[in-house]
């Protein structure tokens, strides 16, 4: 979705650049979108955006004020700081989007790792008899995985929904506030 919208903005910019004083502010969002696509999108989206960026760059090179100087020459002239500021802004935006998307991917992987550890520990404990969410949490944390109570509840809920685990009555004399679970019959 992002790639399609970004490609359309790039095509729009390509059409606008020939004007006397074109409004190119739409380019500001493109940089961030490209960073997100690079970080989390399929390579087909990245390739499509690369083609649109190349097309826009080629059109820009046909503009009189751009064609007169190469970027390396602009950096040596009076507008060098402006050109460099724009380039660094673009690089920063892309890197920020890339890092943010990469962090989201890592969080998803971490959640998956925690869920697998919870299910493994729960099933191991349940094979030995009834158990509680607190016992499952301790077993998971002994494996070096930090988990929250809501993650344990969610994993137990999934096991119950799949028919692998069922609620159980606690042992005689146990705290009535504690929940106990057993392997489903």
N, C-alpha and C. Protein backbone atom coordinates (compact mmCIF):
# COMPACT_ATOMS: atom_id res chain seq x y z
N UNK A 1 0.82 -1.20 0.00
CA UNK A 1 0.00 0.00 0.00
C UNK A 1 0.86 1.26 0.00
N UNK A 2 1.81 1.32 0.94
CA UNK A 2 2.69 2.49 1.02
C UNK A 2 3.46 2.66 -0.28
N UNK A 3 3.95 1.55 -0.82
CA UNK A 3 4.75 1.62 -2.04
C UNK A 3 3.93 2.18 -3.20
N UNK A 4 2.69 1.76 -3.34
CA UNK A 4 1.85 2.25 -4.44
C UNK A 4 1.59 3.75 -4.31
N UNK A 5 1.25 4.19 -3.09
CA UNK A 5 0.98 5.61 -2.87
C UNK A 5 2.26 6.44 -3.09
N UNK A 6 3.38 5.92 -2.62
CA UNK A 6 4.65 6.63 -2.78
C UNK A 6 5.04 6.71 -4.25
N UNK A 7 4.83 5.63 -4.98
CA UNK A 7 5.13 5.64 -6.42
C UNK A 7 4.29 6.69 -7.13
N UNK A 8 3.03 6.82 -6.73
CA UNK A 8 2.16 7.83 -7.35
C UNK A 8 2.66 9.24 -7.03
N UNK A 9 3.11 9.47 -5.81
CA UNK A 9 3.66 10.78 -5.45
C UNK A 9 4.90 11.07 -6.29
N UNK A 10 5.76 10.07 -6.47
CA UNK A 10 6.96 10.26 -7.30
C UNK A 10 6.58 10.60 -8.74
N UNK A 11 5.57 9.92 -9.28
CA UNK A 11 5.12 10.22 -10.65
C UNK A 11 4.57 11.65 -10.72
N UNK A 12 3.84 12.05 -9.69
CA UNK A 12 3.30 13.41 -9.63
C UNK A 12 4.43 14.44 -9.60
N UNK A 13 5.46 14.17 -8.83
CA UNK A 13 6.60 15.08 -8.77
C UNK A 13 7.29 15.16 -10.13
N UNK A 14 7.39 14.02 -10.81
CA UNK A 14 8.01 13.99 -12.14
C UNK A 14 7.26 14.91 -13.10
N UNK A 15 5.92 14.92 -12.99
CA UNK A 15 5.12 15.79 -13.87
C UNK A 15 5.28 17.26 -13.49
N UNK A 16 5.47 17.55 -12.20
CA UNK A 16 5.51 18.94 -11.73
C UNK A 16 6.84 19.65 -11.95
N UNK A 17 7.94 18.93 -12.03
CA UNK A 17 9.25 19.58 -12.00
C UNK A 17 9.53 20.49 -13.19
N UNK A 18 8.81 20.32 -14.26
CA UNK A 18 9.07 21.15 -15.44
C UNK A 18 8.54 22.57 -15.28
N UNK A 19 7.68 22.80 -14.29
CA UNK A 19 7.09 24.12 -14.10
C UNK A 19 8.11 25.16 -13.66
N UNK A 20 7.71 26.44 -13.77
CA UNK A 20 8.61 27.55 -13.42
C UNK A 20 8.94 27.53 -11.93
N UNK A 21 7.93 27.44 -11.07
CA UNK A 21 8.14 27.36 -9.63
C UNK A 21 7.31 26.20 -9.09
N UNK A 22 7.76 24.98 -9.31
CA UNK A 22 6.96 23.83 -8.91
C UNK A 22 6.89 23.67 -7.39
N UNK A 23 5.73 23.23 -6.91
CA UNK A 23 5.55 22.93 -5.49
C UNK A 23 5.94 21.46 -5.29
N UNK A 24 7.09 21.24 -4.73
CA UNK A 24 7.63 19.88 -4.58
C UNK A 24 7.60 19.41 -3.12
N UNK A 25 6.77 20.04 -2.30
CA UNK A 25 6.72 19.67 -0.88
C UNK A 25 6.29 18.24 -0.65
N UNK A 26 5.60 17.64 -1.59
CA UNK A 26 5.17 16.24 -1.44
C UNK A 26 6.37 15.30 -1.29
N UNK A 27 7.53 15.75 -1.71
CA UNK A 27 8.74 14.92 -1.61
C UNK A 27 9.12 14.63 -0.16
N UNK A 28 8.67 15.48 0.76
CA UNK A 28 9.07 15.28 2.16
C UNK A 28 8.58 13.95 2.72
N UNK A 29 7.39 13.52 2.36
CA UNK A 29 6.88 12.24 2.85
C UNK A 29 7.47 11.04 2.14
N UNK A 30 7.95 11.25 0.93
CA UNK A 30 8.50 10.16 0.12
C UNK A 30 9.71 9.52 0.80
N UNK A 31 10.56 10.34 1.37
CA UNK A 31 11.79 9.83 1.97
C UNK A 31 11.46 8.85 3.10
N UNK A 32 10.54 9.22 3.98
CA UNK A 32 10.15 8.36 5.09
C UNK A 32 9.50 7.07 4.57
N UNK A 33 8.64 7.21 3.57
CA UNK A 33 7.99 6.03 2.99
C UNK A 33 9.01 5.06 2.40
N UNK A 34 10.01 5.59 1.73
CA UNK A 34 11.04 4.73 1.15
C UNK A 34 11.78 3.98 2.25
N UNK A 35 12.08 4.64 3.35
CA UNK A 35 12.74 3.98 4.48
C UNK A 35 11.91 2.84 5.03
N UNK A 36 10.59 3.06 5.15
CA UNK A 36 9.72 2.00 5.66
C UNK A 36 9.65 0.83 4.70
N UNK A 37 9.58 1.11 3.41
CA UNK A 37 9.53 0.03 2.42
C UNK A 37 10.83 -0.76 2.43
N UNK A 38 11.95 -0.06 2.53
CA UNK A 38 13.25 -0.75 2.58
C UNK A 38 13.35 -1.66 3.79
N UNK A 39 12.80 -1.22 4.92
CA UNK A 39 12.91 -1.99 6.15
C UNK A 39 11.95 -3.16 6.22
N UNK A 40 10.73 -2.96 5.75
CA UNK A 40 9.75 -4.00 5.99
C UNK A 40 8.94 -4.46 4.81
N UNK A 41 9.13 -3.85 3.67
CA UNK A 41 8.33 -4.21 2.51
C UNK A 41 9.00 -5.30 1.69
N UNK A 42 8.23 -5.89 0.81
CA UNK A 42 8.82 -6.90 -0.08
C UNK A 42 9.78 -6.24 -1.07
N UNK A 43 10.73 -7.01 -1.56
CA UNK A 43 11.72 -6.45 -2.48
C UNK A 43 11.07 -5.96 -3.77
N UNK A 44 9.92 -6.53 -4.13
CA UNK A 44 9.24 -6.04 -5.34
C UNK A 44 8.81 -4.59 -5.16
N UNK A 45 8.36 -4.24 -3.95
CA UNK A 45 7.99 -2.84 -3.67
C UNK A 45 9.22 -1.95 -3.74
N UNK A 46 10.32 -2.41 -3.17
CA UNK A 46 11.56 -1.61 -3.19
C UNK A 46 12.04 -1.40 -4.63
N UNK A 47 11.95 -2.44 -5.44
CA UNK A 47 12.38 -2.31 -6.84
C UNK A 47 11.48 -1.34 -7.61
N UNK A 48 10.18 -1.41 -7.36
CA UNK A 48 9.25 -0.51 -8.04
C UNK A 48 9.53 0.94 -7.65
N UNK A 49 9.77 1.17 -6.36
CA UNK A 49 10.09 2.53 -5.92
C UNK A 49 11.43 2.99 -6.48
N UNK A 50 12.39 2.08 -6.54
CA UNK A 50 13.69 2.44 -7.10
C UNK A 50 13.53 2.90 -8.55
N UNK A 51 12.69 2.23 -9.30
CA UNK A 51 12.46 2.62 -10.70
C UNK A 51 11.83 4.01 -10.77
N UNK A 52 10.88 4.29 -9.89
CA UNK A 52 10.24 5.61 -9.88
C UNK A 52 11.22 6.70 -9.46
N UNK A 53 12.06 6.39 -8.47
CA UNK A 53 13.07 7.37 -8.04
C UNK A 53 14.04 7.65 -9.18
N UNK A 54 14.47 6.60 -9.88
CA UNK A 54 15.39 6.77 -11.02
C UNK A 54 14.74 7.61 -12.12
N UNK A 55 13.46 7.38 -12.36
CA UNK A 55 12.75 8.14 -13.38
C UNK A 55 12.70 9.63 -13.01
N UNK A 56 12.38 9.90 -11.76
CA UNK A 56 12.34 11.29 -11.29
C UNK A 56 13.73 11.92 -11.38
N UNK A 57 14.74 11.18 -10.99
CA UNK A 57 16.11 11.70 -11.05
C UNK A 57 16.49 12.04 -12.50
N UNK A 58 16.13 11.19 -13.43
CA UNK A 58 16.44 11.46 -14.85
C UNK A 58 15.73 12.72 -15.32
N UNK A 59 14.48 12.88 -14.93
CA UNK A 59 13.74 14.08 -15.31
C UNK A 59 14.36 15.33 -14.69
N UNK A 60 14.80 15.20 -13.45
CA UNK A 60 15.45 16.34 -12.79
C UNK A 60 16.72 16.76 -13.52
N UNK A 61 17.45 15.79 -14.04
CA UNK A 61 18.68 16.10 -14.76
C UNK A 61 18.42 16.87 -16.05
N UNK A 62 17.20 16.80 -16.55
CA UNK A 62 16.85 17.55 -17.76
C UNK A 62 16.50 19.00 -17.46
N UNK A 63 16.24 19.30 -16.20
CA UNK A 63 15.92 20.68 -15.80
C UNK A 63 17.19 21.52 -15.90
N UNK A 64 17.03 22.73 -16.41
CA UNK A 64 18.19 23.59 -16.68
C UNK A 64 19.03 23.82 -15.44
N UNK A 65 18.39 24.19 -14.33
CA UNK A 65 19.17 24.51 -13.13
C UNK A 65 19.86 23.30 -12.53
N UNK A 66 19.36 22.11 -12.80
CA UNK A 66 19.99 20.89 -12.29
C UNK A 66 21.03 20.37 -13.26
N UNK A 67 20.77 20.48 -14.55
CA UNK A 67 21.68 19.91 -15.55
C UNK A 67 22.99 20.67 -15.66
N UNK A 68 23.01 21.91 -15.21
CA UNK A 68 24.23 22.72 -15.33
C UNK A 68 25.34 22.25 -14.40
N UNK A 69 24.97 21.72 -13.25
CA UNK A 69 25.97 21.29 -12.27
C UNK A 69 25.68 19.86 -11.80
N UNK A 70 26.73 19.12 -11.57
CA UNK A 70 26.61 17.79 -10.98
C UNK A 70 26.51 17.97 -9.47
N UNK A 71 25.93 16.99 -8.76
CA UNK A 71 25.84 17.12 -7.30
C UNK A 71 27.19 17.41 -6.64
N UNK A 72 28.26 16.78 -7.12
CA UNK A 72 29.58 17.03 -6.52
C UNK A 72 30.01 18.48 -6.74
N UNK A 73 29.60 19.08 -7.85
CA UNK A 73 29.93 20.48 -8.12
C UNK A 73 29.08 21.42 -7.27
N UNK A 74 27.82 21.05 -7.07
CA UNK A 74 26.94 21.87 -6.24
C UNK A 74 27.49 21.95 -4.82
N UNK A 75 28.04 20.85 -4.33
CA UNK A 75 28.59 20.83 -2.98
C UNK A 75 29.78 21.78 -2.82
N UNK A 76 30.39 22.16 -3.90
CA UNK A 76 31.53 23.09 -3.83
C UNK A 76 31.10 24.54 -4.01
N UNK A 77 29.85 24.76 -4.36
CA UNK A 77 29.39 26.11 -4.66
C UNK A 77 28.65 26.76 -3.51
N UNK A 78 28.03 27.90 -3.83
CA UNK A 78 27.35 28.69 -2.81
C UNK A 78 26.13 27.98 -2.22
N UNK A 79 25.55 27.05 -2.96
CA UNK A 79 24.37 26.34 -2.47
C UNK A 79 24.73 24.97 -1.91
N UNK A 80 26.00 24.73 -1.69
CA UNK A 80 26.46 23.43 -1.20
C UNK A 80 25.84 23.03 0.12
N UNK A 81 25.74 23.98 1.06
CA UNK A 81 25.16 23.65 2.37
C UNK A 81 23.69 23.28 2.24
N UNK A 82 22.97 23.99 1.39
CA UNK A 82 21.55 23.69 1.19
C UNK A 82 21.39 22.30 0.59
N UNK A 83 22.18 22.01 -0.42
CA UNK A 83 22.13 20.69 -1.07
C UNK A 83 22.48 19.60 -0.06
N UNK A 84 23.55 19.81 0.71
CA UNK A 84 23.97 18.83 1.70
C UNK A 84 22.91 18.67 2.79
N UNK A 85 22.31 19.78 3.22
CA UNK A 85 21.25 19.69 4.24
C UNK A 85 20.09 18.84 3.74
N UNK A 86 19.70 19.03 2.50
CA UNK A 86 18.62 18.22 1.93
C UNK A 86 19.00 16.75 1.83
N UNK A 87 20.21 16.49 1.40
CA UNK A 87 20.66 15.10 1.29
C UNK A 87 20.73 14.44 2.66
N UNK A 88 21.25 15.15 3.66
CA UNK A 88 21.36 14.59 5.01
C UNK A 88 19.98 14.43 5.64
N UNK A 89 19.08 15.36 5.37
CA UNK A 89 17.72 15.22 5.87
C UNK A 89 17.11 13.95 5.30
N UNK A 90 17.27 13.74 3.99
CA UNK A 90 16.72 12.55 3.36
C UNK A 90 17.31 11.28 3.93
N UNK A 91 18.62 11.27 4.11
CA UNK A 91 19.28 10.09 4.68
C UNK A 91 18.80 9.83 6.10
N UNK A 92 18.66 10.88 6.90
CA UNK A 92 18.19 10.74 8.28
C UNK A 92 16.77 10.20 8.32
N UNK A 93 15.90 10.73 7.48
CA UNK A 93 14.52 10.26 7.44
C UNK A 93 14.45 8.78 7.06
N UNK A 94 15.21 8.39 6.04
CA UNK A 94 15.21 6.98 5.62
C UNK A 94 15.74 6.09 6.73
N UNK A 95 16.82 6.50 7.37
CA UNK A 95 17.39 5.69 8.43
C UNK A 95 16.45 5.60 9.62
N UNK A 96 15.78 6.69 9.96
CA UNK A 96 14.82 6.67 11.07
C UNK A 96 13.67 5.71 10.78
N UNK A 97 13.14 5.77 9.58
CA UNK A 97 12.05 4.86 9.20
C UNK A 97 12.54 3.42 9.21
N UNK A 98 13.73 3.18 8.72
CA UNK A 98 14.30 1.83 8.69
C UNK A 98 14.45 1.28 10.10
N UNK A 99 15.02 2.09 11.00
CA UNK A 99 15.24 1.64 12.38
C UNK A 99 13.90 1.38 13.08
N UNK A 100 12.93 2.27 12.89
CA UNK A 100 11.62 2.08 13.51
C UNK A 100 10.97 0.79 13.02
N UNK A 101 11.01 0.54 11.73
CA UNK A 101 10.42 -0.68 11.17
C UNK A 101 11.19 -1.91 11.66
N UNK A 102 12.50 -1.82 11.72
CA UNK A 102 13.31 -2.95 12.19
C UNK A 102 12.98 -3.28 13.64
N UNK A 103 12.76 -2.25 14.46
CA UNK A 103 12.39 -2.48 15.86
C UNK A 103 11.06 -3.20 15.96
N UNK A 104 10.10 -2.84 15.10
CA UNK A 104 8.80 -3.53 15.11
C UNK A 104 8.97 -5.00 14.74
N UNK A 105 9.82 -5.29 13.79
CA UNK A 105 10.08 -6.68 13.38
C UNK A 105 10.71 -7.44 14.54
N UNK A 106 11.67 -6.82 15.23
CA UNK A 106 12.32 -7.49 16.36
C UNK A 106 11.33 -7.74 17.49
N UNK A 107 10.42 -6.80 17.75
CA UNK A 107 9.42 -7.00 18.79
C UNK A 107 8.52 -8.17 18.45
N UNK A 108 8.13 -8.31 17.19
CA UNK A 108 7.30 -9.44 16.78
C UNK A 108 8.05 -10.75 17.00
N UNK A 109 9.33 -10.78 16.63
CA UNK A 109 10.13 -11.99 16.85
C UNK A 109 10.23 -12.31 18.33
N UNK A 110 10.41 -11.29 19.16
CA UNK A 110 10.52 -11.49 20.60
C UNK A 110 9.24 -12.07 21.16
N UNK A 111 8.08 -11.54 20.70
CA UNK A 111 6.79 -12.07 21.15
C UNK A 111 6.64 -13.53 20.74
N UNK A 112 7.07 -13.88 19.54
CA UNK A 112 6.98 -15.26 19.07
C UNK A 112 7.86 -16.16 19.92
N UNK A 113 9.06 -15.72 20.24
CA UNK A 113 9.98 -16.50 21.07
C UNK A 113 9.37 -16.72 22.45
N UNK A 114 8.79 -15.68 23.04
CA UNK A 114 8.16 -15.80 24.35
C UNK A 114 7.00 -16.77 24.30
N UNK A 115 6.16 -16.68 23.27
CA UNK A 115 5.01 -17.57 23.15
C UNK A 115 5.45 -19.02 23.05
N UNK A 116 6.47 -19.29 22.25
CA UNK A 116 6.97 -20.66 22.10
C UNK A 116 7.51 -21.16 23.44
N UNK A 117 8.26 -20.32 24.16
CA UNK A 117 8.81 -20.72 25.46
C UNK A 117 7.69 -21.00 26.46
N UNK A 118 6.64 -20.19 26.44
CA UNK A 118 5.52 -20.39 27.35
C UNK A 118 4.82 -21.71 27.06
N UNK A 119 4.52 -21.95 25.80
CA UNK A 119 3.82 -23.19 25.43
C UNK A 119 4.68 -24.41 25.78
N UNK A 120 5.97 -24.35 25.49
CA UNK A 120 6.86 -25.47 25.82
C UNK A 120 6.89 -25.74 27.32
N UNK A 121 7.07 -24.68 28.11
CA UNK A 121 7.13 -24.83 29.57
C UNK A 121 5.79 -25.32 30.11
N UNK A 122 4.70 -24.76 29.61
CA UNK A 122 3.38 -25.17 30.09
C UNK A 122 3.13 -26.64 29.80
N UNK A 123 3.41 -27.08 28.60
CA UNK A 123 3.17 -28.48 28.24
C UNK A 123 4.05 -29.42 29.06
N UNK A 124 5.29 -29.01 29.30
CA UNK A 124 6.19 -29.84 30.11
C UNK A 124 5.66 -29.96 31.54
N UNK A 125 5.25 -28.84 32.13
CA UNK A 125 4.70 -28.87 33.48
C UNK A 125 3.40 -29.65 33.55
N UNK A 126 2.54 -29.47 32.55
CA UNK A 126 1.24 -30.14 32.55
C UNK A 126 1.37 -31.65 32.39
N UNK A 127 2.41 -32.11 31.72
CA UNK A 127 2.63 -33.56 31.61
C UNK A 127 2.89 -34.18 32.98
N UNK A 128 3.37 -33.35 33.91
CA UNK A 128 3.62 -33.82 35.27
C UNK A 128 2.43 -33.64 36.19
N UNK A 129 1.35 -33.06 35.70
CA UNK A 129 0.15 -32.84 36.52
C UNK A 129 -0.34 -31.41 36.38
N UNK A 130 -1.17 -31.02 37.34
CA UNK A 130 -1.73 -29.67 37.29
C UNK A 130 -0.66 -28.62 37.52
N UNK A 131 -0.93 -27.44 37.00
CA UNK A 131 0.01 -26.33 37.21
C UNK A 131 -0.74 -25.01 37.19
N UNK A 132 -0.03 -23.96 37.60
CA UNK A 132 -0.61 -22.61 37.65
C UNK A 132 0.16 -21.69 36.69
N UNK A 133 -0.45 -20.57 36.34
CA UNK A 133 0.27 -19.60 35.51
C UNK A 133 1.57 -19.11 36.17
N UNK A 134 1.56 -18.99 37.49
CA UNK A 134 2.77 -18.56 38.19
C UNK A 134 3.89 -19.58 38.02
N UNK A 135 3.56 -20.86 38.12
CA UNK A 135 4.57 -21.91 37.94
C UNK A 135 5.09 -21.90 36.50
N UNK A 136 4.21 -21.65 35.55
CA UNK A 136 4.62 -21.58 34.14
C UNK A 136 5.57 -20.41 33.95
N UNK A 137 5.23 -19.28 34.55
CA UNK A 137 6.09 -18.10 34.41
C UNK A 137 7.48 -18.36 34.98
N UNK A 138 7.54 -18.99 36.15
CA UNK A 138 8.84 -19.31 36.75
C UNK A 138 9.64 -20.23 35.83
N UNK A 139 8.98 -21.23 35.27
CA UNK A 139 9.67 -22.18 34.38
C UNK A 139 10.21 -21.48 33.13
N UNK A 140 9.43 -20.57 32.59
CA UNK A 140 9.86 -19.84 31.39
C UNK A 140 11.04 -18.94 31.73
N UNK A 141 10.96 -18.24 32.84
CA UNK A 141 12.04 -17.33 33.22
C UNK A 141 13.32 -18.07 33.58
N UNK A 142 13.20 -19.31 34.06
CA UNK A 142 14.39 -20.13 34.31
C UNK A 142 15.10 -20.47 33.00
N UNK A 143 14.38 -20.42 31.91
CA UNK A 143 14.96 -20.65 30.58
C UNK A 143 15.60 -19.39 30.01
N UNK A 144 15.51 -18.30 30.77
CA UNK A 144 16.14 -17.06 30.33
C UNK A 144 15.25 -16.17 29.47
N UNK A 145 13.95 -16.45 29.45
CA UNK A 145 13.02 -15.65 28.66
C UNK A 145 12.14 -14.86 29.62
N UNK A 146 12.14 -13.55 29.47
CA UNK A 146 11.32 -12.70 30.32
C UNK A 146 9.91 -12.61 29.73
N UNK A 147 8.90 -12.88 30.56
CA UNK A 147 7.52 -12.85 30.08
C UNK A 147 6.65 -12.06 31.05
N UNK A 148 5.54 -11.58 30.52
CA UNK A 148 4.56 -10.86 31.32
C UNK A 148 3.37 -11.78 31.60
N UNK A 149 2.63 -11.52 32.67
CA UNK A 149 1.46 -12.35 32.97
C UNK A 149 0.44 -12.41 31.83
N UNK A 150 0.25 -11.30 31.11
CA UNK A 150 -0.72 -11.31 30.02
C UNK A 150 -0.28 -12.24 28.89
N UNK A 151 1.03 -12.40 28.68
CA UNK A 151 1.50 -13.32 27.65
C UNK A 151 1.20 -14.77 28.04
N UNK A 152 1.32 -15.07 29.33
CA UNK A 152 1.01 -16.42 29.80
C UNK A 152 -0.48 -16.68 29.66
N UNK A 153 -1.30 -15.71 30.05
CA UNK A 153 -2.75 -15.87 29.92
C UNK A 153 -3.16 -16.09 28.47
N UNK A 154 -2.57 -15.33 27.58
CA UNK A 154 -2.90 -15.46 26.16
C UNK A 154 -2.49 -16.83 25.64
N UNK A 155 -1.29 -17.29 26.00
CA UNK A 155 -0.83 -18.61 25.54
C UNK A 155 -1.72 -19.72 26.10
N UNK A 156 -2.09 -19.62 27.38
CA UNK A 156 -2.99 -20.62 27.96
C UNK A 156 -4.36 -20.58 27.28
N UNK A 157 -4.85 -19.39 26.98
CA UNK A 157 -6.12 -19.27 26.26
C UNK A 157 -6.07 -19.94 24.91
N UNK A 158 -4.95 -19.79 24.20
CA UNK A 158 -4.80 -20.44 22.89
C UNK A 158 -4.76 -21.96 23.04
N UNK A 159 -4.07 -22.45 24.08
CA UNK A 159 -4.01 -23.90 24.32
C UNK A 159 -5.39 -24.46 24.68
N UNK A 160 -6.15 -23.69 25.44
CA UNK A 160 -7.52 -24.11 25.79
C UNK A 160 -8.38 -24.13 24.53
N UNK A 161 -8.28 -23.10 23.71
CA UNK A 161 -9.07 -23.02 22.48
C UNK A 161 -8.73 -24.17 21.53
N UNK A 162 -7.49 -24.62 21.52
CA UNK A 162 -7.09 -25.73 20.66
C UNK A 162 -7.40 -27.09 21.28
N UNK A 163 -7.95 -27.08 22.51
CA UNK A 163 -8.35 -28.33 23.14
C UNK A 163 -7.21 -29.10 23.77
N UNK A 164 -6.09 -28.48 24.00
CA UNK A 164 -4.94 -29.17 24.59
C UNK A 164 -4.90 -29.04 26.11
N UNK A 165 -5.47 -27.97 26.63
CA UNK A 165 -5.42 -27.67 28.06
C UNK A 165 -6.84 -27.35 28.53
N UNK A 166 -7.10 -27.67 29.80
CA UNK A 166 -8.41 -27.38 30.38
C UNK A 166 -8.21 -26.82 31.79
N UNK A 167 -9.19 -26.07 32.26
CA UNK A 167 -9.15 -25.58 33.63
C UNK A 167 -9.32 -26.77 34.56
N UNK A 168 -8.72 -26.68 35.74
CA UNK A 168 -8.79 -27.79 36.70
C UNK A 168 -9.10 -27.25 38.08
N UNK A 169 -9.67 -28.11 38.92
CA UNK A 169 -9.85 -27.74 40.32
C UNK A 169 -8.50 -27.85 41.00
N UNK A 170 -8.25 -26.95 41.93
CA UNK A 170 -6.97 -26.97 42.63
C UNK A 170 -6.88 -28.15 43.59
N UNK A 171 -5.68 -28.50 43.99
CA UNK A 171 -5.51 -29.58 44.96
C UNK A 171 -6.18 -29.22 46.29
N UNK A 172 -6.49 -30.21 47.08
CA UNK A 172 -7.13 -30.03 48.39
C UNK A 172 -6.29 -29.07 49.23
N UNK A 173 -6.91 -28.04 49.78
CA UNK A 173 -6.23 -27.10 50.65
C UNK A 173 -5.48 -25.98 49.93
N UNK A 174 -5.58 -25.92 48.61
CA UNK A 174 -4.87 -24.88 47.87
C UNK A 174 -5.62 -23.55 47.95
N UNK A 175 -4.93 -22.50 47.65
CA UNK A 175 -5.51 -21.15 47.65
C UNK A 175 -6.57 -21.09 46.55
N UNK A 176 -7.80 -20.74 46.93
CA UNK A 176 -8.90 -20.72 45.96
C UNK A 176 -8.73 -19.63 44.91
N UNK A 177 -7.89 -18.65 45.18
CA UNK A 177 -7.68 -17.57 44.22
C UNK A 177 -6.77 -18.00 43.06
N UNK A 178 -6.03 -19.05 43.25
CA UNK A 178 -5.12 -19.53 42.20
C UNK A 178 -5.90 -20.33 41.16
N UNK A 179 -5.50 -20.17 39.92
CA UNK A 179 -6.10 -20.95 38.84
C UNK A 179 -5.18 -22.12 38.54
N UNK A 180 -5.80 -23.25 38.30
CA UNK A 180 -5.05 -24.45 37.96
C UNK A 180 -5.47 -24.94 36.60
N UNK A 181 -4.53 -25.55 35.92
CA UNK A 181 -4.79 -26.09 34.58
C UNK A 181 -4.24 -27.50 34.51
N UNK A 182 -4.83 -28.29 33.60
CA UNK A 182 -4.38 -29.66 33.37
C UNK A 182 -4.43 -29.93 31.87
N UNK A 183 -3.80 -31.03 31.46
CA UNK A 183 -3.92 -31.44 30.06
C UNK A 183 -5.36 -31.84 29.81
N UNK A 184 -5.89 -31.50 28.67
CA UNK A 184 -7.27 -31.85 28.34
C UNK A 184 -7.38 -33.36 28.16
N UNK A 185 -8.53 -33.87 28.52
CA UNK A 185 -8.77 -35.33 28.40
C UNK A 185 -8.94 -35.75 26.98
